[in-house]
Amino acid sequence: RRGIDQALDYARALGTRRVHVMAGLREADTPYEA
């Protein structure tokens, strides 16, 4: 959430209308559904 806040601050300042949110990598100890 802090990262999204930072991205939106930059988007607002730069006039950017699209922000890509990366999903992340699979964690060996975390079930896929979780």
PDB file of all heavy atoms in Angstrom:
ATOM      1  N   ARG A   1       0.822  -1.213   0.000  1.00  0.00           N
ATOM      2  CA  ARG A   1       0.000   0.000   0.000  1.00  0.00           C
ATOM      3  C   ARG A   1       0.854   1.260   0.000  1.00  0.00           C
ATOM      4  O   ARG A   1       0.517   2.242  -0.679  1.00  0.00           O
ATOM      5  CB  ARG A   1      -0.953  -0.021   1.204  1.00  0.00           C
ATOM      6  CG  ARG A   1      -2.018  -1.109   1.074  1.00  0.00           C
ATOM      7  CD  ARG A   1      -3.069  -1.028   2.158  1.00  0.00           C
ATOM      8  NE  ARG A   1      -4.121  -2.011   1.931  1.00  0.00           N
ATOM      9  CZ  ARG A   1      -5.329  -1.962   2.470  1.00  0.00           C
ATOM     10  NH1 ARG A   1      -5.648  -0.964   3.285  1.00  0.00           N
ATOM     11  NH2 ARG A   1      -6.222  -2.893   2.193  1.00  0.00           N
ATOM     12  N   ARG A   2       1.971   1.232   0.704  1.00  0.00           N
ATOM     13  CA  ARG A   2       2.876   2.386   0.655  1.00  0.00           C
ATOM     14  C   ARG A   2       3.421   2.576  -0.757  1.00  0.00           C
ATOM     15  O   ARG A   2       3.571   3.706  -1.239  1.00  0.00           O
ATOM     16  CB  ARG A   2       4.025   2.209   1.646  1.00  0.00           C
ATOM     17  CG  ARG A   2       3.611   2.312   3.101  1.00  0.00           C
ATOM     18  CD  ARG A   2       4.819   2.459   4.010  1.00  0.00           C
ATOM     19  NE  ARG A   2       5.743   1.344   3.914  1.00  0.00           N
ATOM     20  CZ  ARG A   2       5.666   0.238   4.661  1.00  0.00           C
ATOM     21  NH1 ARG A   2       4.674   0.103   5.555  1.00  0.00           N
ATOM     22  NH2 ARG A   2       6.557  -0.734   4.534  1.00  0.00           N
ATOM     23  N   GLY A   3       3.717   1.470  -1.418  1.00  0.00           N
ATOM     24  CA  GLY A   3       4.206   1.555  -2.790  1.00  0.00           C
ATOM     25  C   GLY A   3       3.165   2.126  -3.740  1.00  0.00           C
ATOM     26  O   GLY A   3       3.493   2.930  -4.627  1.00  0.00           O
ATOM     27  N   ILE A   4       1.921   1.721  -3.579  1.00  0.00           N
ATOM     28  CA  ILE A   4       0.855   2.277  -4.417  1.00  0.00           C
ATOM     29  C   ILE A   4       0.693   3.762  -4.145  1.00  0.00           C
ATOM     30  O   ILE A   4       0.523   4.570  -5.081  1.00  0.00           O
ATOM     31  CB  ILE A   4      -0.470   1.528  -4.186  1.00  0.00           C
ATOM     32  CG1 ILE A   4      -0.365   0.076  -4.683  1.00  0.00           C
ATOM     33  CG2 ILE A   4      -1.630   2.247  -4.875  1.00  0.00           C
ATOM     34  CD1 ILE A   4      -0.086  -0.065  -6.166  1.00  0.00           C
ATOM     35  N   ASP A   5       0.762   4.160  -2.896  1.00  0.00           N
ATOM     36  CA  ASP A   5       0.683   5.590  -2.572  1.00  0.00           C
ATOM     37  C   ASP A   5       1.797   6.361  -3.274  1.00  0.00           C
ATOM     38  O   ASP A   5       1.565   7.448  -3.824  1.00  0.00           O
ATOM     39  CB  ASP A   5       0.778   5.794  -1.058  1.00  0.00           C
ATOM     40  CG  ASP A   5      -0.477   5.363  -0.313  1.00  0.00           C
ATOM     41  OD1 ASP A   5      -1.534   5.228  -0.960  1.00  0.00           O
ATOM     42  OD2 ASP A   5      -0.394   5.161   0.913  1.00  0.00           O
ATOM     43  N   GLN A   6       3.012   5.811  -3.260  1.00  0.00           N
ATOM     44  CA  GLN A   6       4.129   6.482  -3.928  1.00  0.00           C
ATOM     45  C   GLN A   6       3.892   6.548  -5.439  1.00  0.00           C
ATOM     46  O   GLN A   6       4.131   7.594  -6.069  1.00  0.00           O
ATOM     47  CB  GLN A   6       5.441   5.754  -3.646  1.00  0.00           C
ATOM     48  CG  GLN A   6       6.658   6.444  -4.268  1.00  0.00           C
ATOM     49  CD  GLN A   6       7.951   5.684  -4.056  1.00  0.00           C
ATOM     50  OE1 GLN A   6       7.945   4.488  -3.751  1.00  0.00           O
ATOM     51  NE2 GLN A   6       9.080   6.361  -4.205  1.00  0.00           N
ATOM     52  N   ALA A   7       3.428   5.448  -6.018  1.00  0.00           N
ATOM     53  CA  ALA A   7       3.170   5.431  -7.454  1.00  0.00           C
ATOM     54  C   ALA A   7       2.104   6.457  -7.831  1.00  0.00           C
ATOM     55  O   ALA A   7       2.238   7.167  -8.846  1.00  0.00           O
ATOM     56  CB  ALA A   7       2.728   4.034  -7.889  1.00  0.00           C
ATOM     57  N   LEU A   8       1.069   6.561  -7.045  1.00  0.00           N
ATOM     58  CA  LEU A   8       0.009   7.522  -7.349  1.00  0.00           C
ATOM     59  C   LEU A   8       0.496   8.952  -7.176  1.00  0.00           C
ATOM     60  O   LEU A   8       0.087   9.852  -7.927  1.00  0.00           O
ATOM     61  CB  LEU A   8      -1.220   7.253  -6.479  1.00  0.00           C
ATOM     62  CG  LEU A   8      -1.941   5.922  -6.762  1.00  0.00           C
ATOM     63  CD1 LEU A   8      -3.132   5.756  -5.829  1.00  0.00           C
ATOM     64  CD2 LEU A   8      -2.388   5.825  -8.220  1.00  0.00           C
ATOM     65  N   ASP A   9       1.368   9.188  -6.208  1.00  0.00           N
ATOM     66  CA  ASP A   9       1.967  10.520  -6.063  1.00  0.00           C
ATOM     67  C   ASP A   9       2.734  10.891  -7.331  1.00  0.00           C
ATOM     68  O   ASP A   9       2.615  12.012  -7.842  1.00  0.00           O
ATOM     69  CB  ASP A   9       2.908  10.559  -4.864  1.00  0.00           C
ATOM     70  CG  ASP A   9       2.171  10.599  -3.525  1.00  0.00           C
ATOM     71  OD1 ASP A   9       0.959  10.889  -3.517  1.00  0.00           O
ATOM     72  OD2 ASP A   9       2.825  10.333  -2.492  1.00  0.00           O
ATOM     73  N   TYR A  10       3.535   9.952  -7.830  1.00  0.00           N
ATOM     74  CA  TYR A  10       4.299  10.207  -9.059  1.00  0.00           C
ATOM     75  C   TYR A  10       3.359  10.381 -10.249  1.00  0.00           C
ATOM     76  O   TYR A  10       3.551  11.282 -11.086  1.00  0.00           O
ATOM     77  CB  TYR A  10       5.288   9.068  -9.318  1.00  0.00           C
ATOM     78  CG  TYR A  10       6.678   9.352  -8.800  1.00  0.00           C
ATOM     79  CD1 TYR A  10       6.951   9.311  -7.446  1.00  0.00           C
ATOM     80  CD2 TYR A  10       7.718   9.667  -9.669  1.00  0.00           C
ATOM     81  CE1 TYR A  10       8.228   9.566  -6.958  1.00  0.00           C
ATOM     82  CE2 TYR A  10       8.990   9.922  -9.203  1.00  0.00           C
ATOM     83  CZ  TYR A  10       9.247   9.876  -7.840  1.00  0.00           C
ATOM     84  OH  TYR A  10      10.516  10.134  -7.374  1.00  0.00           O
ATOM     85  N   ALA A  11       2.359   9.523 -10.358  1.00  0.00           N
ATOM     86  CA  ALA A  11       1.429   9.615 -11.480  1.00  0.00           C
ATOM     87  C   ALA A  11       0.719  10.963 -11.483  1.00  0.00           C
ATOM     88  O   ALA A  11       0.541  11.590 -12.540  1.00  0.00           O
ATOM     89  CB  ALA A  11       0.419   8.474 -11.416  1.00  0.00           C
ATOM     90  N   ARG A  12       0.337  11.414 -10.317  1.00  0.00           N
ATOM     91  CA  ARG A  12      -0.336  12.718 -10.199  1.00  0.00           C
ATOM     92  C   ARG A  12       0.591  13.839 -10.648  1.00  0.00           C
ATOM     93  O   ARG A  12       0.194  14.733 -11.414  1.00  0.00           O
ATOM     94  CB  ARG A  12      -0.764  12.918  -8.751  1.00  0.00           C
ATOM     95  CG  ARG A  12      -1.685  14.100  -8.515  1.00  0.00           C
ATOM     96  CD  ARG A  12      -2.021  14.236  -7.043  1.00  0.00           C
ATOM     97  NE  ARG A  12      -2.539  12.998  -6.481  1.00  0.00           N
ATOM     98  CZ  ARG A  12      -1.910  12.261  -5.567  1.00  0.00           C
ATOM     99  NH1 ARG A  12      -0.717  12.613  -5.118  1.00  0.00           N
ATOM    100  NH2 ARG A  12      -2.471  11.162  -5.100  1.00  0.00           N
ATOM    101  N   ALA A  13       1.826  13.792 -10.193  1.00  0.00           N
ATOM    102  CA  ALA A  13       2.785  14.846 -10.520  1.00  0.00           C
ATOM    103  C   ALA A  13       3.178  14.832 -11.994  1.00  0.00           C
ATOM    104  O   ALA A  13       3.411  15.889 -12.592  1.00  0.00           O
ATOM    105  CB  ALA A  13       4.029  14.702  -9.648  1.00  0.00           C
ATOM    106  N   LEU A  14       3.252  13.646 -12.586  1.00  0.00           N
ATOM    107  CA  LEU A  14       3.742  13.502 -13.955  1.00  0.00           C
ATOM    108  C   LEU A  14       2.631  13.523 -14.989  1.00  0.00           C
ATOM    109  O   LEU A  14       2.902  13.591 -16.196  1.00  0.00           O
ATOM    110  CB  LEU A  14       4.525  12.194 -14.090  1.00  0.00           C
ATOM    111  CG  LEU A  14       5.768  12.072 -13.196  1.00  0.00           C
ATOM    112  CD1 LEU A  14       6.351  10.669 -13.314  1.00  0.00           C
ATOM    113  CD2 LEU A  14       6.805  13.116 -13.553  1.00  0.00           C
ATOM    114  N   GLY A  15       1.382  13.421 -14.549  1.00  0.00           N
ATOM    115  CA  GLY A  15       0.280  13.345 -15.492  1.00  0.00           C
ATOM    116  C   GLY A  15       0.138  11.988 -16.149  1.00  0.00           C
ATOM    117  O   GLY A  15      -0.475  11.860 -17.215  1.00  0.00           O
ATOM    118  N   THR A  16       0.687  10.960 -15.523  1.00  0.00           N
ATOM    119  CA  THR A  16       0.624   9.597 -16.064  1.00  0.00           C
ATOM    120  C   THR A  16      -0.703   8.955 -15.665  1.00  0.00           C
ATOM    121  O   THR A  16      -1.102   9.008 -14.507  1.00  0.00           O
ATOM    122  CB  THR A  16       1.793   8.751 -15.520  1.00  0.00           C
ATOM    123  OG1 THR A  16       3.020   9.392 -15.894  1.00  0.00           O
ATOM    124  CG2 THR A  16       1.770   7.345 -16.088  1.00  0.00           C
ATOM    125  N   ARG A  17      -1.365   8.322 -16.626  1.00  0.00           N
ATOM    126  CA  ARG A  17      -2.707   7.779 -16.376  1.00  0.00           C
ATOM    127  C   ARG A  17      -2.740   6.270 -16.235  1.00  0.00           C
ATOM    128  O   ARG A  17      -3.803   5.695 -15.983  1.00  0.00           O
ATOM    129  CB  ARG A  17      -3.657   8.177 -17.519  1.00  0.00           C
ATOM    130  CG  ARG A  17      -3.849   9.672 -17.726  1.00  0.00           C
ATOM    131  CD  ARG A  17      -4.575  10.313 -16.563  1.00  0.00           C
ATOM    132  NE  ARG A  17      -3.641  10.798 -15.552  1.00  0.00           N
ATOM    133  CZ  ARG A  17      -3.992  11.219 -14.340  1.00  0.00           C
ATOM    134  NH1 ARG A  17      -5.248  11.190 -13.962  1.00  0.00           N
ATOM    135  NH2 ARG A  17      -3.080  11.642 -13.488  1.00  0.00           N
ATOM    136  N   ARG A  18      -1.573   5.598 -16.373  1.00  0.00           N
ATOM    137  CA  ARG A  18      -1.534   4.141 -16.271  1.00  0.00           C
ATOM    138  C   ARG A  18      -0.364   3.708 -15.405  1.00  0.00           C
ATOM    139  O   ARG A  18       0.771   4.144 -15.634  1.00  0.00           O
ATOM    140  CB  ARG A  18      -1.428   3.498 -17.667  1.00  0.00           C
ATOM    141  CG  ARG A  18      -2.742   3.512 -18.429  1.00  0.00           C
ATOM    142  CD  ARG A  18      -2.580   3.149 -19.893  1.00  0.00           C
ATOM    143  NE  ARG A  18      -3.881   2.997 -20.534  1.00  0.00           N
ATOM    144  CZ  ARG A  18      -4.686   4.004 -20.855  1.00  0.00           C
ATOM    145  NH1 ARG A  18      -4.315   5.254 -20.598  1.00  0.00           N
ATOM    146  NH2 ARG A  18      -5.859   3.773 -21.433  1.00  0.00           N
ATOM    147  N   VAL A  19      -0.655   2.827 -14.449  1.00  0.00           N
ATOM    148  CA  VAL A  19       0.366   2.305 -13.557  1.00  0.00           C
ATOM    149  C   VAL A  19       0.258   0.780 -13.562  1.00  0.00           C
ATOM    150  O   VAL A  19      -0.807   0.218 -13.304  1.00  0.00           O
ATOM    151  CB  VAL A  19       0.197   2.834 -12.121  1.00  0.00           C
ATOM    152  CG1 VAL A  19       1.165   2.148 -11.170  1.00  0.00           C
ATOM    153  CG2 VAL A  19       0.410   4.351 -12.087  1.00  0.00           C
ATOM    154  N   HIS A  20       1.370   0.122 -13.860  1.00  0.00           N
ATOM    155  CA  HIS A  20       1.414  -1.340 -13.877  1.00  0.00           C
ATOM    156  C   HIS A  20       1.781  -1.850 -12.490  1.00  0.00           C
ATOM    157  O   HIS A  20       2.786  -1.430 -11.914  1.00  0.00           O
ATOM    158  CB  HIS A  20       2.442  -1.805 -14.916  1.00  0.00           C
ATOM    159  CG  HIS A  20       2.734  -3.261 -14.870  1.00  0.00           C
ATOM    160  ND1 HIS A  20       3.977  -3.793 -15.128  1.00  0.00           N
ATOM    161  CD2 HIS A  20       1.946  -4.338 -14.575  1.00  0.00           C
ATOM    162  CE1 HIS A  20       3.948  -5.105 -15.015  1.00  0.00           C
ATOM    163  NE2 HIS A  20       2.727  -5.462 -14.673  1.00  0.00           N
ATOM    164  N   VAL A  21       0.994  -2.779 -11.981  1.00  0.00           N
ATOM    165  CA  VAL A  21       1.248  -3.398 -10.676  1.00  0.00           C
ATOM    166  C   VAL A  21       1.726  -4.828 -10.915  1.00  0.00           C
ATOM    167  O   VAL A  21       0.977  -5.672 -11.415  1.00  0.00           O
ATOM    168  CB  VAL A  21      -0.031  -3.397  -9.812  1.00  0.00           C
ATOM    169  CG1 VAL A  21       0.191  -4.173  -8.519  1.00  0.00           C
ATOM    170  CG2 VAL A  21      -0.441  -1.948  -9.496  1.00  0.00           C
ATOM    171  N   MET A  22       2.973  -5.090 -10.564  1.00  0.00           N
ATOM    172  CA  MET A  22       3.543  -6.419 -10.773  1.00  0.00           C
ATOM    173  C   MET A  22       3.040  -7.400  -9.723  1.00  0.00           C
ATOM    174  O   MET A  22       2.920  -7.055  -8.539  1.00  0.00           O
ATOM    175  CB  MET A  22       5.066  -6.349 -10.743  1.00  0.00           C
ATOM    176  CG  MET A  22       5.659  -5.486 -11.852  1.00  0.00           C
ATOM    177  SD  MET A  22       7.469  -5.636 -11.970  1.00  0.00           S
ATOM    178  CE  MET A  22       7.597  -7.276 -12.725  1.00  0.00           C
ATOM    179  N   ALA A  23       2.779  -8.609 -10.154  1.00  0.00           N
ATOM    180  CA  ALA A  23       2.176  -9.612  -9.271  1.00  0.00           C
ATOM    181  C   ALA A  23       3.160 -10.150  -8.244  1.00  0.00           C
ATOM    182  O   ALA A  23       2.825 -10.325  -7.065  1.00  0.00           O
ATOM    183  CB  ALA A  23       1.623 -10.765 -10.103  1.00  0.00           C
ATOM    184  N   GLY A  24       4.380 -10.464  -8.704  1.00  0.00           N
ATOM    185  CA  GLY A  24       5.350 -11.108  -7.834  1.00  0.00           C
ATOM    186  C   GLY A  24       5.580 -12.556  -8.229  1.00  0.00           C
ATOM    187  O   GLY A  24       4.881 -13.126  -9.077  1.00  0.00           O
ATOM    188  N   LEU A  25       6.567 -13.164  -7.595  1.00  0.00           N
ATOM    189  CA  LEU A  25       6.956 -14.539  -7.877  1.00  0.00           C
ATOM    190  C   LEU A  25       6.262 -15.516  -6.930  1.00  0.00           C
ATOM    191  O   LEU A  25       5.885 -15.150  -5.807  1.00  0.00           O
ATOM    192  CB  LEU A  25       8.479 -14.679  -7.721  1.00  0.00           C
ATOM    193  CG  LEU A  25       9.347 -13.723  -8.540  1.00  0.00           C
ATOM    194  CD1 LEU A  25      10.823 -13.975  -8.253  1.00  0.00           C
ATOM    195  CD2 LEU A  25       9.057 -13.827 -10.032  1.00  0.00           C
ATOM    196  N   ARG A  26       6.112 -16.738  -7.386  1.00  0.00           N
ATOM    197  CA  ARG A  26       5.553 -17.787  -6.539  1.00  0.00           C
ATOM    198  C   ARG A  26       6.481 -18.046  -5.358  1.00  0.00           C
ATOM    199  O   ARG A  26       7.706 -18.076  -5.487  1.00  0.00           O
ATOM    200  CB  ARG A  26       5.382 -19.075  -7.341  1.00  0.00           C
ATOM    201  CG  ARG A  26       4.273 -19.034  -8.365  1.00  0.00           C
ATOM    202  CD  ARG A  26       2.896 -19.222  -7.714  1.00  0.00           C
ATOM    203  NE  ARG A  26       2.739 -20.578  -7.222  1.00  0.00           N
ATOM    204  CZ  ARG A  26       2.641 -20.914  -5.932  1.00  0.00           C
ATOM    205  NH1 ARG A  26       2.741 -20.007  -4.975  1.00  0.00           N
ATOM    206  NH2 ARG A  26       2.477 -22.160  -5.583  1.00  0.00           N
ATOM    207  N   GLU A  27       5.870 -18.217  -4.186  1.00  0.00           N
ATOM    208  CA  GLU A  27       6.613 -18.535  -2.975  1.00  0.00           C
ATOM    209  C   GLU A  27       6.484 -20.032  -2.679  1.00  0.00           C
ATOM    210  O   GLU A  27       5.371 -20.566  -2.646  1.00  0.00           O
ATOM    211  CB  GLU A  27       6.076 -17.735  -1.791  1.00  0.00           C
ATOM    212  CG  GLU A  27       6.325 -16.238  -1.905  1.00  0.00           C
ATOM    213  CD  GLU A  27       5.959 -15.499  -0.633  1.00  0.00           C
ATOM    214  OE1 GLU A  27       4.867 -15.769  -0.093  1.00  0.00           O
ATOM    215  OE2 GLU A  27       6.752 -14.657  -0.195  1.00  0.00           O
ATOM    216  N   ALA A  28       7.603 -20.668  -2.458  1.00  0.00           N
ATOM    217  CA  ALA A  28       7.601 -22.123  -2.274  1.00  0.00           C
ATOM    218  C   ALA A  28       6.765 -22.557  -1.076  1.00  0.00           C
ATOM    219  O   ALA A  28       6.159 -23.635  -1.092  1.00  0.00           O
ATOM    220  CB  ALA A  28       9.036 -22.625  -2.121  1.00  0.00           C
ATOM    221  N   ASP A  29       6.732 -21.753  -0.044  1.00  0.00           N
ATOM    222  CA  ASP A  29       6.039 -22.140   1.193  1.00  0.00           C
ATOM    223  C   ASP A  29       4.622 -21.585   1.301  1.00  0.00           C
ATOM    224  O   ASP A  29       3.982 -21.733   2.347  1.00  0.00           O
ATOM    225  CB  ASP A  29       6.857 -21.677   2.406  1.00  0.00           C
ATOM    226  CG  ASP A  29       8.230 -22.339   2.470  1.00  0.00           C
ATOM    227  OD1 ASP A  29       8.354 -23.486   1.990  1.00  0.00           O
ATOM    228  OD2 ASP A  29       9.170 -21.703   2.975  1.00  0.00           O
ATOM    229  N   THR A  30       4.142 -20.940   0.239  1.00  0.00           N
ATOM    230  CA  THR A  30       2.799 -20.360   0.267  1.00  0.00           C
ATOM    231  C   THR A  30       1.922 -21.037  -0.780  1.00  0.00           C
ATOM    232  O   THR A  30       2.312 -21.079  -1.962  1.00  0.00           O
ATOM    233  CB  THR A  30       2.841 -18.847  -0.015  1.00  0.00           C
ATOM    234  OG1 THR A  30       3.722 -18.213   0.907  1.00  0.00           O
ATOM    235  CG2 THR A  30       1.461 -18.231   0.102  1.00  0.00           C
ATOM    236  N   PRO A  31       0.776 -21.581  -0.414  1.00  0.00           N
ATOM    237  CA  PRO A  31      -0.104 -22.199  -1.417  1.00  0.00           C
ATOM    238  C   PRO A  31      -0.488 -21.200  -2.502  1.00  0.00           C
ATOM    239  O   PRO A  31      -0.671 -20.005  -2.240  1.00  0.00           O
ATOM    240  CB  PRO A  31      -1.325 -22.624  -0.595  1.00  0.00           C
ATOM    241  CG  PRO A  31      -0.821 -22.750   0.800  1.00  0.00           C
ATOM    242  CD  PRO A  31       0.237 -21.695   0.956  1.00  0.00           C
ATOM    243  N   TYR A  32      -0.619 -21.712  -3.718  1.00  0.00           N
ATOM    244  CA  TYR A  32      -0.960 -20.849  -4.853  1.00  0.00           C
ATOM    245  C   TYR A  32      -2.243 -20.060  -4.583  1.00  0.00           C
ATOM    246  O   TYR A  32      -2.305 -18.855  -4.861  1.00  0.00           O
ATOM    247  CB  TYR A  32      -1.120 -21.684  -6.117  1.00  0.00           C
ATOM    248  CG  TYR A  32      -1.689 -20.903  -7.280  1.00  0.00           C
ATOM    249  CD1 TYR A  32      -0.884 -20.048  -8.011  1.00  0.00           C
ATOM    250  CD2 TYR A  32      -3.037 -21.027  -7.631  1.00  0.00           C
ATOM    251  CE1 TYR A  32      -1.404 -19.314  -9.067  1.00  0.00           C
ATOM    252  CE2 TYR A  32      -3.565 -20.296  -8.678  1.00  0.00           C
ATOM    253  CZ  TYR A  32      -2.739 -19.439  -9.399  1.00  0.00           C
ATOM    254  OH  TYR A  32      -3.270 -18.708 -10.434  1.00  0.00           O
ATOM    255  N   GLU A  33      -3.253 -20.730  -4.062  1.00  0.00           N
ATOM    256  CA  GLU A  33      -4.526 -20.044  -3.848  1.00  0.00           C
ATOM    257  C   GLU A  33      -4.381 -18.898  -2.846  1.00  0.00           C
ATOM    258  O   GLU A  33      -5.036 -17.863  -2.986  1.00  0.00           O
ATOM    259  CB  GLU A  33      -5.599 -21.026  -3.393  1.00  0.00           C
ATOM    260  CG  GLU A  33      -6.109 -21.933  -4.508  1.00  0.00           C
ATOM    261  CD  GLU A  33      -6.648 -21.140  -5.692  1.00  0.00           C
ATOM    262  OE1 GLU A  33      -7.262 -20.071  -5.475  1.00  0.00           O
ATOM    263  OE2 GLU A  33      -6.453 -21.581  -6.834  1.00  0.00           O
ATOM    264  N   ALA A  34      -3.529 -19.077  -1.838  1.00  0.00           N
ATOM    265  CA  ALA A  34      -3.316 -17.996  -0.873  1.00  0.00           C
ATOM    266  C   ALA A  34      -2.655 -16.801  -1.551  1.00  0.00           C
ATOM    267  O   ALA A  34      -3.009 -15.642  -1.282  1.00  0.00           O
ATOM    268  CB  ALA A  34      -2.463 -18.487   0.288  1.00  0.00           C
TER     269      ALA A  34
END
